[in-house]
């Protein structure tokens, strides 16, 4: 997947300014695709030049003018082609996993500190995702939402993000317990 597909997907539910689109990335799309605001703005320019998004200028009196972007029919066709293509299993890089892999020689203390930092980050992200989920659902329960919504995608990706963070927290707590047991039985190599 390229950034262009993620930007197009973020535009399918209506036009947005570059700032609004960057916020959509920060709140929801970041669950499955990370991009800095500058990258989103640059991609919008490329998409507009390729005819995959339209841009219009909105004149504002008390603020600078803003550009609003919307997906074109060609952009929708590209997104449809992308969605129909086979997708490989996701792979990612994770610095913490490198440290965990090397726990036998780097020592448990620094790895557990990394685990604790990951727990803090996962808890923060999980809280933000649960807030986003409530915004998406409003006063509806899931069954009512699914029957009445025209915008299911953001909810589905939000729920994936929630499950991912919950699993990350579960794994971190499990690792801490395993490492504690390992240390109690003298298996950990003491670090000088």
C-alpha atoms as a PDB file:
ATOM      1  CA  UNK A   1       0.000   0.000   0.000  1.00  0.00           C
ATOM      2  CA  UNK A   2       1.166   3.449  -0.787  1.00  0.00           C
ATOM      3  CA  UNK A   3       0.380   6.651   1.052  1.00  0.00           C
ATOM      4  CA  UNK A   4      -1.795   7.642  -1.896  1.00  0.00           C
ATOM      5  CA  UNK A   5      -4.228   4.819  -1.162  1.00  0.00           C
ATOM      6  CA  UNK A   6      -4.480   5.813   2.503  1.00  0.00           C
ATOM      7  CA  UNK A   7      -5.126   9.467   1.555  1.00  0.00           C
ATOM      8  CA  UNK A   8      -7.771   8.450  -0.977  1.00  0.00           C
ATOM      9  CA  UNK A   9      -9.410   6.190   1.608  1.00  0.00           C
ATOM     10  CA  UNK A  10      -9.475   9.070   4.089  1.00  0.00           C
ATOM     11  CA  UNK A  11     -11.339  11.182   1.516  1.00  0.00           C
ATOM     12  CA  UNK A  12     -14.101   8.720   0.643  1.00  0.00           C
ATOM     13  CA  UNK A  13     -16.469  10.122   3.266  1.00  0.00           C
ATOM     14  CA  UNK A  14     -16.350  13.687   2.055  1.00  0.00           C
ATOM     15  CA  UNK A  15     -14.133  16.574   1.164  1.00  0.00           C
ATOM     16  CA  UNK A  16     -11.585  17.875   3.601  1.00  0.00           C
ATOM     17  CA  UNK A  17      -8.912  20.507   3.869  1.00  0.00           C
ATOM     18  CA  UNK A  18      -5.313  19.392   4.181  1.00  0.00           C
ATOM     19  CA  UNK A  19      -5.481  20.229   7.885  1.00  0.00           C
ATOM     20  CA  UNK A  20      -8.682  18.212   8.361  1.00  0.00           C
ATOM     21  CA  UNK A  21      -7.180  15.300   6.467  1.00  0.00           C
ATOM     22  CA  UNK A  22      -4.053  15.408   8.638  1.00  0.00           C
ATOM     23  CA  UNK A  23      -6.371  15.268  11.681  1.00  0.00           C
ATOM     24  CA  UNK A  24      -8.193  12.265  10.182  1.00  0.00           C
ATOM     25  CA  UNK A  25      -4.825  10.574   9.879  1.00  0.00           C
ATOM     26  CA  UNK A  26      -3.857  11.440  13.441  1.00  0.00           C
ATOM     27  CA  UNK A  27      -7.129  10.188  14.930  1.00  0.00           C
ATOM     28  CA  UNK A  28      -8.135   7.243  12.801  1.00  0.00           C
ATOM     29  CA  UNK A  29      -5.995   6.359   9.828  1.00  0.00           C
ATOM     30  CA  UNK A  30      -2.877   6.197  12.012  1.00  0.00           C
ATOM     31  CA  UNK A  31      -4.165   2.846  13.271  1.00  0.00           C
ATOM     32  CA  UNK A  32      -3.071   1.321  10.000  1.00  0.00           C
ATOM     33  CA  UNK A  33      -0.966   3.917   8.208  1.00  0.00           C
ATOM     34  CA  UNK A  34       1.392   6.465   9.745  1.00  0.00           C
ATOM     35  CA  UNK A  35       2.130   9.693   7.917  1.00  0.00           C
ATOM     36  CA  UNK A  36       3.307  13.103   9.039  1.00  0.00           C
ATOM     37  CA  UNK A  37       1.130  16.090   8.074  1.00  0.00           C
ATOM     38  CA  UNK A  38       3.788  17.270   5.609  1.00  0.00           C
ATOM     39  CA  UNK A  39       3.630  13.893   3.859  1.00  0.00           C
ATOM     40  CA  UNK A  40      -0.168  14.125   3.615  1.00  0.00           C
ATOM     41  CA  UNK A  41       0.026  17.636   2.129  1.00  0.00           C
ATOM     42  CA  UNK A  42       2.664  16.577  -0.407  1.00  0.00           C
ATOM     43  CA  UNK A  43       0.615  13.516  -1.373  1.00  0.00           C
ATOM     44  CA  UNK A  44      -2.498  15.658  -1.859  1.00  0.00           C
ATOM     45  CA  UNK A  45      -0.548  17.774  -4.334  1.00  0.00           C
ATOM     46  CA  UNK A  46       0.572  14.671  -6.256  1.00  0.00           C
ATOM     47  CA  UNK A  47      -2.950  13.225  -6.228  1.00  0.00           C
ATOM     48  CA  UNK A  48      -4.375  16.487  -7.549  1.00  0.00           C
ATOM     49  CA  UNK A  49      -1.770  16.617 -10.323  1.00  0.00           C
ATOM     50  CA  UNK A  50      -2.674  13.010 -11.248  1.00  0.00           C
ATOM     51  CA  UNK A  51      -6.400  13.861 -11.370  1.00  0.00           C
ATOM     52  CA  UNK A  52      -7.235  11.539  -8.480  1.00  0.00           C
ATOM     53  CA  UNK A  53      -8.499  14.353  -6.239  1.00  0.00           C
ATOM     54  CA  UNK A  54     -10.046  17.729  -6.956  1.00  0.00           C
ATOM     55  CA  UNK A  55      -9.126  20.831  -5.036  1.00  0.00           C
ATOM     56  CA  UNK A  56     -11.122  24.008  -4.611  1.00  0.00           C
ATOM     57  CA  UNK A  57     -10.257  27.165  -2.763  1.00  0.00           C
ATOM     58  CA  UNK A  58     -12.581  28.428  -0.033  1.00  0.00           C
ATOM     59  CA  UNK A  59     -12.288  32.138   0.576  1.00  0.00           C
ATOM     60  CA  UNK A  60     -12.510  33.092   4.237  1.00  0.00           C
ATOM     61  CA  UNK A  61     -12.792  36.624   5.550  1.00  0.00           C
ATOM     62  CA  UNK A  62     -11.191  36.422   8.973  1.00  0.00           C
ATOM     63  CA  UNK A  63      -8.766  33.599   8.187  1.00  0.00           C
ATOM     64  CA  UNK A  64      -6.460  32.636   5.366  1.00  0.00           C
ATOM     65  CA  UNK A  65      -8.169  30.924   2.446  1.00  0.00           C
ATOM     66  CA  UNK A  66      -8.155  27.148   2.533  1.00  0.00           C
ATOM     67  CA  UNK A  67      -8.110  24.444  -0.086  1.00  0.00           C
ATOM     68  CA  UNK A  68     -10.693  21.677   0.120  1.00  0.00           C
ATOM     69  CA  UNK A  69     -10.012  18.297  -1.482  1.00  0.00           C
ATOM     70  CA  UNK A  70     -12.379  15.596  -2.689  1.00  0.00           C
ATOM     71  CA  UNK A  71     -11.833  12.270  -4.390  1.00  0.00           C
ATOM     72  CA  UNK A  72     -12.561  12.074  -8.136  1.00  0.00           C
ATOM     73  CA  UNK A  73     -14.066   9.193 -10.097  1.00  0.00           C
ATOM     74  CA  UNK A  74     -10.535   8.253 -11.181  1.00  0.00           C
ATOM     75  CA  UNK A  75      -9.479   8.272  -7.527  1.00  0.00           C
ATOM     76  CA  UNK A  76     -12.394   6.017  -6.619  1.00  0.00           C
ATOM     77  CA  UNK A  77     -11.468   3.679  -9.476  1.00  0.00           C
ATOM     78  CA  UNK A  78      -7.876   3.506  -8.224  1.00  0.00           C
ATOM     79  CA  UNK A  79      -9.090   2.781  -4.702  1.00  0.00           C
ATOM     80  CA  UNK A  80     -11.435   0.082  -6.008  1.00  0.00           C
ATOM     81  CA  UNK A  81      -8.569  -1.507  -7.957  1.00  0.00           C
ATOM     82  CA  UNK A  82      -6.394  -1.369  -4.854  1.00  0.00           C
ATOM     83  CA  UNK A  83      -9.107  -2.951  -2.673  1.00  0.00           C
ATOM     84  CA  UNK A  84      -9.566  -5.777  -5.190  1.00  0.00           C
ATOM     85  CA  UNK A  85      -5.863  -6.622  -5.357  1.00  0.00           C
ATOM     86  CA  UNK A  86      -4.393  -9.329  -3.115  1.00  0.00           C
ATOM     87  CA  UNK A  87      -2.838  -8.022   0.072  1.00  0.00           C
ATOM     88  CA  UNK A  88       0.145  -9.599   1.791  1.00  0.00           C
ATOM     89  CA  UNK A  89       0.303 -10.055   5.533  1.00  0.00           C
ATOM     90  CA  UNK A  90       1.399  -6.819   7.160  1.00  0.00           C
ATOM     91  CA  UNK A  91       4.972  -6.618   8.311  1.00  0.00           C
ATOM     92  CA  UNK A  92       6.443  -3.929  10.424  1.00  0.00           C
ATOM     93  CA  UNK A  93       9.537  -2.887  12.215  1.00  0.00           C
ATOM     94  CA  UNK A  94       9.433  -2.646  15.957  1.00  0.00           C
ATOM     95  CA  UNK A  95      12.450  -1.514  17.939  1.00  0.00           C
ATOM     96  CA  UNK A  96      11.079  -3.043  21.126  1.00  0.00           C
ATOM     97  CA  UNK A  97      10.972  -6.482  19.477  1.00  0.00           C
ATOM     98  CA  UNK A  98      14.682  -6.143  18.636  1.00  0.00           C
ATOM     99  CA  UNK A  99      15.415  -5.425  22.307  1.00  0.00           C
ATOM    100  CA  UNK A 100      13.234  -8.343  23.436  1.00  0.00           C
ATOM    101  CA  UNK A 101      14.978 -10.642  20.954  1.00  0.00           C
ATOM    102  CA  UNK A 102      18.310  -9.646  22.518  1.00  0.00           C
ATOM    103  CA  UNK A 103      17.189  -9.899  26.181  1.00  0.00           C
ATOM    104  CA  UNK A 104      19.637 -12.756  26.782  1.00  0.00           C
ATOM    105  CA  UNK A 105      22.589 -10.414  26.362  1.00  0.00           C
ATOM    106  CA  UNK A 106      21.285  -6.899  26.976  1.00  0.00           C
ATOM    107  CA  UNK A 107      19.671  -7.740  30.295  1.00  0.00           C
ATOM    108  CA  UNK A 108      16.127  -7.672  31.530  1.00  0.00           C
ATOM    109  CA  UNK A 109      16.169  -4.233  33.166  1.00  0.00           C
ATOM    110  CA  UNK A 110      16.404  -2.213  29.964  1.00  0.00           C
ATOM    111  CA  UNK A 111      13.977  -4.502  28.142  1.00  0.00           C
ATOM    112  CA  UNK A 112      11.418  -4.247  30.944  1.00  0.00           C
ATOM    113  CA  UNK A 113      11.791  -0.466  30.904  1.00  0.00           C
ATOM    114  CA  UNK A 114      10.920  -0.614  27.203  1.00  0.00           C
ATOM    115  CA  UNK A 115       7.953  -2.847  27.976  1.00  0.00           C
ATOM    116  CA  UNK A 116       6.750  -0.322  30.574  1.00  0.00           C
ATOM    117  CA  UNK A 117       7.062   2.528  28.065  1.00  0.00           C
ATOM    118  CA  UNK A 118       5.099   0.464  25.530  1.00  0.00           C
ATOM    119  CA  UNK A 119       2.361  -0.124  28.124  1.00  0.00           C
ATOM    120  CA  UNK A 120       2.097   3.633  28.723  1.00  0.00           C
ATOM    121  CA  UNK A 121       1.900   4.360  24.986  1.00  0.00           C
ATOM    122  CA  UNK A 122      -0.617   1.590  24.350  1.00  0.00           C
ATOM    123  CA  UNK A 123      -2.835   2.814  27.202  1.00  0.00           C
ATOM    124  CA  UNK A 124      -2.760   6.369  25.809  1.00  0.00           C
ATOM    125  CA  UNK A 125      -3.553   5.182  22.290  1.00  0.00           C
ATOM    126  CA  UNK A 126      -6.293   2.880  23.566  1.00  0.00           C
ATOM    127  CA  UNK A 127      -7.941   5.749  25.458  1.00  0.00           C
ATOM    128  CA  UNK A 128      -7.863   7.921  22.315  1.00  0.00           C
ATOM    129  CA  UNK A 129      -9.305   5.102  20.204  1.00  0.00           C
ATOM    130  CA  UNK A 130     -12.099   4.417  22.677  1.00  0.00           C
ATOM    131  CA  UNK A 131     -12.957   8.117  22.604  1.00  0.00           C
ATOM    132  CA  UNK A 132     -12.983   8.000  18.793  1.00  0.00           C
ATOM    133  CA  UNK A 133     -15.209   4.917  18.919  1.00  0.00           C
ATOM    134  CA  UNK A 134     -17.702   6.814  21.094  1.00  0.00           C
ATOM    135  CA  UNK A 135     -17.651   9.739  18.672  1.00  0.00           C
ATOM    136  CA  UNK A 136     -18.335   7.382  15.773  1.00  0.00           C
ATOM    137  CA  UNK A 137     -21.135   5.501  17.543  1.00  0.00           C
ATOM    138  CA  UNK A 138     -22.707   8.527  19.183  1.00  0.00           C
ATOM    139  CA  UNK A 139     -25.600   7.322  21.307  1.00  0.00           C
ATOM    140  CA  UNK A 140     -26.046   4.135  19.249  1.00  0.00           C
ATOM    141  CA  UNK A 141     -24.999   0.634  20.182  1.00  0.00           C
ATOM    142  CA  UNK A 142     -23.021  -1.295  17.590  1.00  0.00           C
ATOM    143  CA  UNK A 143     -26.025  -3.147  16.130  1.00  0.00           C
ATOM    144  CA  UNK A 144     -27.974   0.071  15.618  1.00  0.00           C
ATOM    145  CA  UNK A 145     -24.923   1.818  14.215  1.00  0.00           C
ATOM    146  CA  UNK A 146     -24.272  -0.963  11.684  1.00  0.00           C
ATOM    147  CA  UNK A 147     -27.920  -0.925  10.542  1.00  0.00           C
ATOM    148  CA  UNK A 148     -28.037   2.860  10.128  1.00  0.00           C
ATOM    149  CA  UNK A 149     -24.589   4.095   9.118  1.00  0.00           C
ATOM    150  CA  UNK A 150     -23.381   5.068   5.676  1.00  0.00           C
ATOM    151  CA  UNK A 151     -19.770   5.198   6.913  1.00  0.00           C
ATOM    152  CA  UNK A 152     -18.744   1.800   8.275  1.00  0.00           C
ATOM    153  CA  UNK A 153     -15.034   1.880   7.374  1.00  0.00           C
ATOM    154  CA  UNK A 154     -13.838   4.282  10.076  1.00  0.00           C
ATOM    155  CA  UNK A 155     -15.603   2.215  12.727  1.00  0.00           C
ATOM    156  CA  UNK A 156     -14.075  -1.040  11.495  1.00  0.00           C
ATOM    157  CA  UNK A 157     -10.554   0.387  11.447  1.00  0.00           C
ATOM    158  CA  UNK A 158     -11.072   2.003  14.859  1.00  0.00           C
ATOM    159  CA  UNK A 159     -12.119  -1.359  16.303  1.00  0.00           C
ATOM    160  CA  UNK A 160      -9.015  -2.955  14.745  1.00  0.00           C
ATOM    161  CA  UNK A 161      -6.880  -0.338  16.438  1.00  0.00           C
ATOM    162  CA  UNK A 162      -8.595  -0.995  19.771  1.00  0.00           C
ATOM    163  CA  UNK A 163      -8.034  -4.737  19.462  1.00  0.00           C
ATOM    164  CA  UNK A 164      -4.409  -4.192  18.464  1.00  0.00           C
ATOM    165  CA  UNK A 165      -3.701  -2.012  21.497  1.00  0.00           C
ATOM    166  CA  UNK A 166      -5.543  -4.381  23.829  1.00  0.00           C
ATOM    167  CA  UNK A 167      -3.470  -7.280  22.509  1.00  0.00           C
ATOM    168  CA  UNK A 168      -0.278  -5.226  22.869  1.00  0.00           C
ATOM    169  CA  UNK A 169      -1.120  -4.546  26.521  1.00  0.00           C
ATOM    170  CA  UNK A 170      -1.915  -8.202  27.148  1.00  0.00           C
ATOM    171  CA  UNK A 171       1.383  -9.243  25.537  1.00  0.00           C
ATOM    172  CA  UNK A 172       3.390  -6.685  27.550  1.00  0.00           C
ATOM    173  CA  UNK A 173       1.908  -7.889  30.842  1.00  0.00           C
ATOM    174  CA  UNK A 174       2.572 -11.495  29.838  1.00  0.00           C
ATOM    175  CA  UNK A 175       6.210 -10.674  28.939  1.00  0.00           C
ATOM    176  CA  UNK A 176       6.722  -8.963  32.291  1.00  0.00           C
ATOM    177  CA  UNK A 177       5.462 -12.085  34.100  1.00  0.00           C
ATOM    178  CA  UNK A 178       7.614 -14.450  32.030  1.00  0.00           C
ATOM    179  CA  UNK A 179      10.731 -12.320  32.509  1.00  0.00           C
ATOM    180  CA  UNK A 180      10.096 -12.050  36.256  1.00  0.00           C
ATOM    181  CA  UNK A 181       9.889 -15.862  36.485  1.00  0.00           C
ATOM    182  CA  UNK A 182      13.017 -16.193  34.325  1.00  0.00           C
ATOM    183  CA  UNK A 183      14.913 -13.845  36.643  1.00  0.00           C
ATOM    184  CA  UNK A 184      13.701 -15.621  39.786  1.00  0.00           C
ATOM    185  CA  UNK A 185      15.124 -18.879  38.508  1.00  0.00           C
ATOM    186  CA  UNK A 186      18.521 -17.368  37.802  1.00  0.00           C
ATOM    187  CA  UNK A 187      18.272 -17.729  34.029  1.00  0.00           C
ATOM    188  CA  UNK A 188      18.840 -14.057  33.328  1.00  0.00           C
ATOM    189  CA  UNK A 189      22.400 -13.158  32.487  1.00  0.00           C
ATOM    190  CA  UNK A 190      23.417 -10.428  34.939  1.00  0.00           C
ATOM    191  CA  UNK A 191      24.540  -7.310  33.181  1.00  0.00           C
ATOM    192  CA  UNK A 192      27.824  -5.799  34.390  1.00  0.00           C
END
